[in-house]
């Protein structure tokens, strides 16, 4: 969707907001979260995304959290 917006904005003479409004209004982005399709609309990721180094299983993630909490308590 972001690529579509860029394409519209780069056309000769520019673009009016009304041309991209349906793509950036948030309605399609909302559906990304509802249907799980990240290509359906524009969605956000915070600054923390740069700190992600791996994608562990839930089991591994929870074990890490518990281990770190226990270490902090000690």
Protein backbone atom coordinates (compact mmCIF):
# COMPACT_ATOMS: atom_id res chain seq x y z
CA UNK A 1 0.00 0.00 0.00
CA UNK A 2 2.84 2.40 0.82
CA UNK A 3 4.32 1.71 -2.61
CA UNK A 4 0.97 2.50 -4.21
CA UNK A 5 0.88 5.83 -2.37
CA UNK A 6 4.41 6.69 -3.48
CA UNK A 7 3.52 5.83 -7.07
CA UNK A 8 0.48 8.11 -6.96
CA UNK A 9 2.46 10.93 -5.34
CA UNK A 10 5.23 10.73 -7.95
CA UNK A 11 3.00 11.14 -10.97
CA UNK A 12 3.67 14.27 -13.04
CA UNK A 13 2.03 17.26 -11.41
CA UNK A 14 1.82 15.58 -8.02
CA UNK A 15 -1.30 14.27 -6.38
CA UNK A 16 -4.21 15.52 -4.36
CA UNK A 17 -4.73 14.06 -0.92
CA UNK A 18 -8.10 12.71 -2.04
CA UNK A 19 -6.24 10.35 -4.38
CA UNK A 20 -4.33 8.67 -1.56
CA UNK A 21 -6.87 9.12 1.24
CA UNK A 22 -8.48 5.69 0.80
CA UNK A 23 -5.06 4.09 1.09
CA UNK A 24 -3.84 6.00 4.16
CA UNK A 25 -7.05 6.63 6.11
CA UNK A 26 -6.36 3.80 8.53
CA UNK A 27 -9.27 1.62 7.47
CA UNK A 28 -7.09 -0.79 5.50
CA UNK A 29 -4.42 -0.70 8.19
CA UNK A 30 -7.00 -1.73 10.77
CA UNK A 31 -7.82 -4.77 8.67
CA UNK A 32 -4.14 -5.78 8.73
CA UNK A 33 -4.53 -6.51 12.43
CA UNK A 34 -7.94 -8.11 12.04
CA UNK A 35 -7.11 -10.50 9.20
CA UNK A 36 -3.36 -10.93 9.74
CA UNK A 37 -2.37 -9.95 6.19
CA UNK A 38 0.48 -7.39 6.47
CA UNK A 39 0.26 -6.62 2.75
CA UNK A 40 -3.35 -5.45 2.97
CA UNK A 41 -2.61 -2.00 4.35
CA UNK A 42 -0.13 0.30 6.05
CA UNK A 43 0.69 -0.83 9.56
CA UNK A 44 3.09 0.44 12.13
CA UNK A 45 5.99 -0.89 14.11
CA UNK A 46 7.64 1.11 16.84
CA UNK A 47 11.31 1.86 17.38
CA UNK A 48 11.70 -1.41 19.26
CA UNK A 49 11.55 -3.31 15.97
CA UNK A 50 15.24 -2.49 15.53
CA UNK A 51 16.05 -4.42 18.69
CA UNK A 52 14.53 -7.70 17.53
CA UNK A 53 17.30 -10.17 16.82
CA UNK A 54 15.32 -13.40 16.54
CA UNK A 55 11.79 -14.79 16.63
CA UNK A 56 11.71 -17.49 19.30
CA UNK A 57 8.90 -19.89 19.97
CA UNK A 58 6.49 -18.92 22.75
CA UNK A 59 8.09 -21.57 24.95
CA UNK A 60 11.59 -20.16 24.45
CA UNK A 61 10.42 -16.56 24.88
CA UNK A 62 8.62 -17.28 28.13
CA UNK A 63 11.62 -19.20 29.48
CA UNK A 64 13.85 -16.21 28.70
CA UNK A 65 11.46 -13.85 30.46
CA UNK A 66 11.33 -16.08 33.54
CA UNK A 67 15.12 -16.55 33.56
CA UNK A 68 15.71 -12.79 33.29
CA UNK A 69 13.15 -12.07 36.03
CA UNK A 70 14.74 -14.64 38.35
CA UNK A 71 18.21 -13.18 37.65
CA UNK A 72 16.95 -9.69 38.42
CA UNK A 73 15.39 -10.89 41.68
CA UNK A 74 18.65 -12.58 42.69
